[in-house]
Protein backbone atom coordinates (compact mmCIF):
# COMPACT_ATOMS: atom_id res chain seq x y z
CA MET A 1 -19.34 15.20 -4.11
CA GLU A 2 -15.89 15.80 -6.44
CA LYS A 3 -12.29 15.84 -5.37
CA THR A 4 -9.03 17.42 -6.94
CA VAL A 5 -6.02 15.27 -6.38
CA HIS A 6 -2.64 16.23 -5.76
CA GLN A 7 -0.19 16.66 -8.76
CA GLN A 8 1.73 13.31 -9.29
CA PRO A 9 5.40 13.20 -9.57
CA ALA A 10 6.69 15.57 -12.45
CA ALA A 11 8.43 12.35 -14.41
CA GLN A 12 5.36 10.83 -14.96
CA GLU A 13 3.54 14.08 -16.07
CA THR A 14 6.16 14.61 -18.45
CA VAL A 15 5.47 11.16 -20.40
CA ALA A 16 1.57 11.64 -20.35
CA LEU A 17 2.28 14.59 -22.16
CA THR A 18 4.50 13.42 -24.89
CA ALA A 19 2.56 9.88 -25.12
CA PRO A 20 1.53 8.85 -28.63
CA PRO A 21 -1.69 8.63 -29.63
CA LEU A 22 -4.13 5.80 -28.28
CA ARG A 23 -7.55 4.94 -29.90
CA ALA A 24 -10.33 4.44 -27.71
CA ASP A 25 -11.44 1.67 -30.13
CA ALA A 26 -8.02 0.26 -29.90
CA PHE A 27 -8.31 -3.79 -29.64
CA THR A 28 -11.99 -3.85 -31.66
CA LEU A 29 -9.68 -7.05 -33.08
CA PRO A 30 -8.90 -8.74 -29.76
CA TYR A 31 -4.79 -9.40 -30.07
CA ARG A 32 -3.79 -12.99 -29.81
CA ASP A 33 -0.59 -14.13 -29.13
CA PRO A 34 1.06 -15.99 -32.66
CA VAL A 35 3.18 -18.75 -30.45
CA TRP A 36 1.07 -19.92 -27.79
CA ASP A 37 -2.36 -18.42 -27.86
CA GLY A 38 -2.49 -17.32 -24.14
CA PRO A 39 -1.56 -13.71 -23.26
CA THR A 40 -2.29 -12.25 -20.14
CA ASP A 41 -1.66 -9.71 -17.79
CA PRO A 42 -1.32 -6.79 -20.09
CA ILE A 43 0.15 -3.47 -19.93
CA LEU A 44 0.40 -0.67 -22.13
CA VAL A 45 3.72 1.27 -22.26
CA ALA A 46 3.91 4.44 -24.51
CA ASP A 47 7.00 4.68 -26.41
CA HIS A 48 7.26 8.43 -27.33
CA LEU A 49 10.91 7.91 -28.71
CA ASN A 50 9.22 6.06 -31.55
CA GLY A 51 5.48 6.87 -31.23
CA GLU A 52 4.29 4.04 -30.95
CA TRP A 53 2.34 1.85 -28.19
CA VAL A 54 4.52 -1.21 -26.62
CA LEU A 55 1.80 -4.03 -25.60
CA LEU A 56 3.42 -6.45 -22.81
CA TYR A 57 2.16 -9.74 -21.66
CA THR A 58 2.75 -12.70 -19.44
CA GLN A 59 2.96 -15.50 -22.38
CA ARG A 60 1.39 -18.46 -21.18
CA ARG A 61 1.91 -21.40 -23.20
CA ALA A 62 -1.46 -22.51 -23.31
CA THR A 63 -1.53 -25.03 -26.59
CA ALA A 64 2.20 -26.57 -25.87
CA PRO A 65 1.66 -29.91 -25.57
CA GLY A 66 2.67 -32.52 -22.74
CA LEU A 67 2.50 -29.96 -20.11
CA THR A 68 0.94 -31.28 -16.69
CA GLY A 69 -0.68 -29.54 -13.87
CA VAL A 70 -0.31 -25.82 -14.10
CA GLU A 71 3.04 -26.20 -15.81
CA TRP A 72 1.72 -24.14 -18.61
CA VAL A 73 1.52 -20.95 -16.42
CA HIS A 74 4.79 -21.37 -15.86
CA GLY A 75 7.93 -21.33 -17.92
CA THR A 76 6.63 -18.39 -19.30
CA GLY A 77 8.41 -15.36 -20.77
CA ILE A 78 7.33 -11.66 -21.40
CA GLY A 79 5.48 -11.29 -24.59
CA ALA A 80 5.73 -8.21 -26.86
CA ALA A 81 3.78 -6.23 -29.52
CA ARG A 82 3.85 -2.40 -30.77
CA SER A 83 1.19 -0.57 -32.67
CA SER A 84 1.73 2.55 -34.66
CA ASP A 85 -2.06 3.40 -35.34
CA GLY A 86 -3.16 3.88 -31.73
CA GLY A 87 -3.80 0.10 -31.09
CA ALA A 88 -5.96 -0.45 -33.81
CA THR A 89 -3.43 -3.14 -34.89
CA TRP A 90 -0.46 -5.02 -33.59
CA ARG A 91 2.85 -6.36 -34.55
CA TYR A 92 4.06 -9.16 -32.19
CA GLN A 93 7.71 -8.66 -31.44
CA GLY A 94 8.42 -11.71 -29.40
CA THR A 95 9.95 -12.05 -26.11
CA VAL A 96 11.64 -9.55 -24.12
CA GLU A 97 15.07 -10.33 -23.84
CA GLY A 98 17.43 -10.33 -20.53
CA LEU A 99 14.95 -10.51 -17.93
CA ILE A 100 16.19 -13.35 -16.04
CA PRO A 101 17.77 -12.28 -12.65
CA PRO A 102 21.33 -13.81 -12.10
CA GLY A 103 21.26 -17.32 -10.01
CA THR A 104 17.65 -17.74 -11.33
CA GLU A 105 17.02 -21.84 -11.21
CA PRO A 106 15.72 -22.58 -15.08
CA PRO A 107 13.23 -22.19 -16.45
CA ALA A 108 12.34 -19.30 -15.61
CA THR A 109 8.64 -18.10 -14.84
CA LEU A 110 8.02 -14.36 -15.80
CA TRP A 111 5.25 -12.90 -14.72
CA ALA A 112 2.56 -9.40 -14.84
CA PRO A 113 5.57 -6.69 -15.66
CA ASP A 114 4.42 -3.10 -14.95
CA VAL A 115 6.88 -0.49 -16.43
CA VAL A 116 7.04 3.58 -15.43
CA ARG A 117 8.62 6.06 -16.98
CA ILE A 118 11.00 7.48 -13.98
CA GLY A 119 13.32 10.52 -14.88
CA LYS A 120 15.07 9.29 -18.55
CA ARG A 121 14.42 5.56 -18.09
CA TRP A 122 11.57 3.35 -18.09
CA ILE A 123 11.70 0.77 -14.95
CA MET A 124 9.93 -2.66 -15.04
CA TYR A 125 8.91 -4.18 -12.16
CA LEU A 126 8.75 -8.14 -12.83
CA THR A 127 7.55 -11.29 -11.10
CA VAL A 128 9.66 -13.66 -11.30
CA LEU A 129 10.22 -17.52 -9.75
CA GLY A 130 12.76 -20.46 -10.77
CA GLY A 131 12.47 -23.69 -11.51
CA ARG A 132 10.25 -26.12 -13.30
CA ARG A 133 6.37 -25.40 -11.62
CA THR A 134 3.16 -28.08 -12.21
CA ASP A 135 1.62 -26.25 -8.85
CA TRP A 136 1.06 -23.12 -7.00
CA SER A 137 4.27 -23.72 -4.66
CA GLY A 138 7.63 -22.07 -5.39
CA LYS A 139 9.27 -18.57 -4.28
CA ALA A 140 7.94 -15.44 -6.31
CA GLU A 141 9.79 -12.01 -5.58
CA PHE A 142 9.93 -8.81 -7.34
CA VAL A 143 13.06 -7.56 -9.38
CA GLN A 144 13.47 -4.56 -11.19
CA PHE A 145 15.08 -3.53 -14.37
CA ALA A 146 16.01 -0.41 -16.21
CA SER A 147 15.63 0.66 -19.95
CA HIS A 148 16.66 3.59 -22.21
CA ASP A 149 14.56 2.08 -25.05
CA LEU A 150 12.29 -0.22 -24.09
CA ALA A 151 14.60 -3.19 -26.10
CA LYS A 152 17.65 -3.46 -23.44
CA TRP A 153 16.72 -4.03 -20.24
CA GLU A 154 19.50 -3.52 -17.36
CA TYR A 155 19.43 -5.55 -13.89
CA LEU A 156 18.64 -3.42 -10.79
CA GLY A 157 17.93 -6.09 -8.19
CA ALA A 158 15.15 -7.40 -6.23
CA VAL A 159 12.51 -5.90 -3.91
CA ASP A 160 12.64 -7.68 -0.45
CA LEU A 161 8.97 -7.14 0.95
CA ASP A 162 8.93 -9.63 4.09
CA SER A 163 7.16 -12.14 2.05
CA PRO A 164 7.98 -15.59 0.03
CA ARG A 165 5.11 -15.19 -2.16
CA VAL A 166 4.52 -11.62 -3.94
CA ILE A 167 3.07 -10.88 -7.53
CA ASP A 168 1.26 -8.65 -9.45
CA ALA A 169 3.30 -5.57 -9.14
CA ALA A 170 1.56 -2.16 -9.77
CA VAL A 171 3.14 1.18 -9.39
CA ALA A 172 2.40 4.72 -9.57
CA GLY A 173 2.84 8.09 -8.29
CA CYS A 174 0.61 9.53 -5.19
CA GLY A 175 -0.61 12.80 -3.96
CA ASP A 176 2.24 13.25 -1.36
CA GLY A 177 4.84 13.07 -4.09
CA ARG A 178 6.17 9.67 -3.12
CA TYR A 179 5.55 6.43 -5.08
CA ARG A 180 3.66 3.22 -4.02
CA LEU A 181 3.90 -0.36 -5.06
CA TRP A 182 0.72 -2.59 -4.92
CA TYR A 183 0.97 -6.02 -4.91
CA LYS A 184 -0.58 -9.45 -3.99
CA ASP A 185 1.01 -11.37 -1.15
CA GLU A 186 -0.43 -14.69 -1.47
CA THR A 187 0.88 -15.63 2.44
CA ARG A 188 -1.16 -13.05 3.78
CA GLY A 189 -4.94 -13.64 2.42
CA SER A 190 -4.51 -12.75 -1.08
CA ASN A 191 -4.73 -9.18 -0.32
CA THR A 192 -3.09 -6.20 -2.19
CA PHE A 193 -0.41 -4.67 0.11
CA SER A 194 1.59 -1.74 -0.43
CA ALA A 195 5.00 -0.78 -0.18
CA VAL A 196 6.38 3.22 -0.48
CA SER A 197 9.69 4.72 -1.71
CA ASP A 198 10.91 8.19 -2.43
CA THR A 199 13.72 6.33 -5.16
CA PRO A 200 11.53 3.96 -6.94
CA ASP A 201 14.53 3.02 -9.20
CA ASP A 202 16.26 1.54 -6.11
CA PRO A 203 14.80 -1.63 -5.01
CA SER A 204 16.15 -1.34 -1.86
CA SER A 205 14.31 1.70 -1.14
CA TRP A 206 10.79 0.22 -0.63
CA VAL A 207 9.57 0.34 2.87
CA LEU A 208 6.46 -2.25 3.33
CA GLU A 209 3.42 -0.11 4.77
CA GLY A 210 0.94 -2.96 5.15
CA VAL A 211 -2.45 -3.87 3.53
CA ALA A 212 -4.34 -1.72 1.39
CA ILE A 213 -7.32 -3.92 0.25
CA PRO A 214 -8.43 -6.32 2.69
CA GLY A 215 -11.27 -9.14 2.92
CA ARG A 216 -12.11 -10.87 -0.05
CA PRO A 217 -8.74 -12.62 -2.10
CA HIS A 218 -8.15 -10.80 -5.12
CA GLU A 219 -5.47 -9.92 -7.56
CA GLY A 220 -3.70 -7.68 -10.32
CA PRO A 221 -3.89 -4.13 -8.46
CA LYS A 222 -3.85 -1.16 -10.51
CA VAL A 223 -3.99 2.47 -9.63
CA PHE A 224 -4.74 5.77 -12.04
CA VAL A 225 -6.00 8.89 -12.01
CA LEU A 226 -9.07 9.91 -13.71
CA GLY A 227 -12.11 12.38 -12.92
CA GLY A 228 -10.27 13.91 -9.66
CA TRP A 229 -9.66 10.80 -8.02
CA TYR A 230 -7.32 7.90 -7.40
CA TRP A 231 -8.75 4.62 -8.19
CA MET A 232 -7.34 1.26 -7.88
CA ILE A 233 -9.05 -1.93 -9.82
CA VAL A 234 -8.17 -5.53 -8.57
CA ASP A 235 -9.07 -8.40 -10.42
CA GLU A 236 -11.82 -10.57 -8.14
CA TRP A 237 -11.82 -13.85 -10.66
CA ARG A 238 -15.73 -12.48 -11.10
CA GLY A 239 -14.87 -8.70 -12.66
CA GLN A 240 -13.00 -6.17 -11.97
CA ALA A 241 -13.79 -4.33 -8.13
CA VAL A 242 -13.37 -0.47 -7.70
CA TYR A 243 -11.67 1.45 -5.21
CA ARG A 244 -10.83 5.42 -4.83
CA SER A 245 -8.82 7.13 -3.03
CA VAL A 246 -8.44 11.33 -2.64
CA ASP A 247 -4.77 10.91 -2.68
CA GLY A 248 -3.44 7.43 -3.49
CA THR A 249 -1.67 7.12 -0.10
CA GLY A 250 -4.67 5.14 1.58
CA ASN A 251 -7.98 4.93 2.86
CA TRP A 252 -9.08 3.06 -0.44
CA THR A 253 -12.97 3.34 -0.55
CA ARG A 254 -14.94 0.53 -2.69
CA GLN A 255 -17.34 1.87 -5.35
CA GLU A 256 -21.11 1.34 -4.27
CA HIS A 257 -22.76 1.15 -8.11
CA LEU A 258 -23.05 -2.18 -9.22
CA GLY A 259 -21.65 -3.87 -6.46
CA GLY A 260 -18.27 -2.28 -6.73
CA LEU A 261 -17.72 -4.29 -10.34
CA ILE A 262 -16.87 -3.58 -13.64
CA LEU A 263 -16.11 -6.12 -16.46
CA THR A 264 -18.52 -8.85 -15.33
CA ALA A 265 -19.73 -10.02 -18.64
CA PRO A 266 -17.71 -8.44 -21.54
CA GLU A 267 -18.50 -11.74 -23.15
CA SER A 268 -20.10 -14.84 -22.85
CA TRP A 269 -19.34 -19.07 -23.29
CA ASP A 270 -22.00 -21.20 -23.63
CA GLY A 271 -24.79 -19.01 -22.28
CA ARG A 272 -22.37 -18.03 -19.28
CA PRO A 273 -20.64 -14.84 -18.83
CA VAL A 274 -16.98 -14.59 -18.91
CA VAL A 275 -15.01 -11.83 -17.09
CA GLY A 276 -12.79 -9.74 -17.61
CA ARG A 277 -9.55 -10.51 -16.31
CA HIS A 278 -5.98 -8.76 -14.80
CA ALA A 279 -6.30 -4.79 -16.24
CA ASP A 280 -4.48 -2.08 -17.03
CA VAL A 281 -5.39 1.42 -17.49
CA VAL A 282 -4.16 4.19 -19.49
CA PRO A 283 -5.87 7.50 -19.49
CA LEU A 284 -7.49 8.82 -22.67
CA GLY A 285 -8.04 12.54 -21.43
CA GLY A 286 -11.21 14.43 -21.37
CA ASP A 287 -14.18 14.61 -24.37
CA PRO A 288 -15.14 18.13 -24.71
CA GLY A 289 -18.05 17.15 -26.50
CA ASP A 290 -19.25 15.34 -24.11
CA GLY A 291 -19.77 17.26 -20.76
CA GLY A 292 -16.23 17.18 -20.03
CA ALA A 293 -15.99 13.60 -18.93
CA GLU A 294 -12.15 12.16 -18.44
CA ARG A 295 -12.07 9.07 -20.36
CA ALA A 296 -9.49 6.06 -20.02
CA LEU A 297 -8.37 2.93 -21.98
CA LEU A 298 -9.38 -0.13 -19.81
CA VAL A 299 -6.86 -3.34 -21.34
CA TYR A 300 -7.95 -6.73 -19.88
CA PHE A 301 -7.71 -10.65 -21.07
CA THR A 302 -10.36 -12.75 -21.07
CA HIS A 303 -10.44 -16.62 -21.50
CA PRO A 304 -12.82 -17.01 -24.18
CA CYS A 305 -13.81 -20.40 -23.88
CA TRP A 306 -14.08 -20.38 -19.95
CA GLY A 307 -15.57 -17.94 -17.40
CA GLY A 308 -12.69 -17.08 -16.22
CA GLU A 309 -13.77 -17.69 -12.64
CA ASP A 310 -10.31 -19.23 -9.98
CA ILE A 311 -7.87 -20.80 -12.47
CA GLY A 312 -8.35 -24.23 -10.03
CA THR A 313 -12.05 -24.35 -11.82
CA MET A 314 -10.98 -24.55 -15.09
CA ALA A 315 -11.53 -28.04 -16.88
CA PRO A 316 -8.75 -29.60 -18.53
CA GLY A 317 -7.26 -28.72 -22.01
CA PRO A 318 -5.78 -25.90 -24.56
CA ARG A 319 -9.10 -25.10 -25.27
CA THR A 320 -10.36 -23.63 -22.03
CA ARG A 321 -6.57 -22.13 -21.56
CA LEU A 322 -6.62 -19.56 -24.64
CA SER A 323 -7.25 -16.24 -23.88
CA HIS A 324 -6.63 -12.93 -25.90
CA VAL A 325 -6.49 -9.16 -24.86
CA ARG A 326 -9.25 -6.82 -25.42
CA ALA A 327 -10.22 -3.18 -24.22
CA ALA A 328 -13.24 -1.30 -23.13
CA VAL A 329 -13.32 2.87 -22.02
CA LEU A 330 -13.36 3.82 -18.57
CA GLU A 331 -15.19 7.20 -17.72
CA VAL A 332 -15.82 9.26 -14.37
CA ARG A 333 -19.31 10.92 -13.83
CA GLY A 334 -20.60 12.04 -10.66
CA GLY A 335 -17.39 10.05 -8.66
CA VAL A 336 -18.44 7.12 -10.13
CA LEU A 337 -16.10 4.88 -12.40
CA ALA A 338 -18.30 3.66 -15.53
CA CYS A 339 -16.97 0.92 -18.10
CA THR A 340 -18.24 0.56 -21.45
CA GLU A 341 -17.46 -2.79 -22.59
CA GLN A 342 -16.62 -3.28 -26.21
């Protein structure tokens, strides 16, 4: 049974109408970071001012020498690339400057940005840790920045979610006219929690709601609207788990089709499946020549020389640490979110 969702806030609708074209076959050639060969946690941002798409990602130091433990996933900046041909090719732009909050102990670790157009500004939600880290210790919190051009960023402040370890922010407008922030709380079962705000550009405005997706540990939530439903995907380290909601405010139901998982084997390595990790979703619109199916681009990363399960199982060495960014197409048919892996 199909549902019709309530309209999202007008600020997001305006961006959708003015976004530059995006190709369904974007990333046919996977994107590789030219510095450390470790791009992860990708997002796409429509730069309607310049008619381009911006790729932002965590720039893991996969090939950096002399690092111990998981130091290679810390001390990371946010890499950036641009495309003027709908995602067919990408130009590396370096790392985004101005994203280290005041008072952060060096070296700063920046992870998994999300960027939403609100009013006349882009707002970035970013995970930040301070100090040298060789293990998974240390406080992780969200901070917000604002930009008028996706180049210069103004620090707005930190978000208080009553937890010392929150990562992987995802923000979207919901059917009740309010915005929600979904995230992984590593101190509470590594489940997805949510907070709500009427003024999402104000870091102090977020009010904790509670757990949104309980059960099996996961990370990297992403919420989007497609085919009359609100959808959430989360990274279970064995593929992306799929949930849906009528209005995005709660009551998330796991999809039953194929065990509720997509991107379980977009690649293979040494005869084993390589799973798709931490993803972003950008709607492509309807396809009038194919029964009116609505489609979206699913942008994700893989470790091409390793299966991509929990990072604790990764064999040491820079080869297994390598990653690249790929894409697939999502479509909704009969209330089911299906994935066509490129």
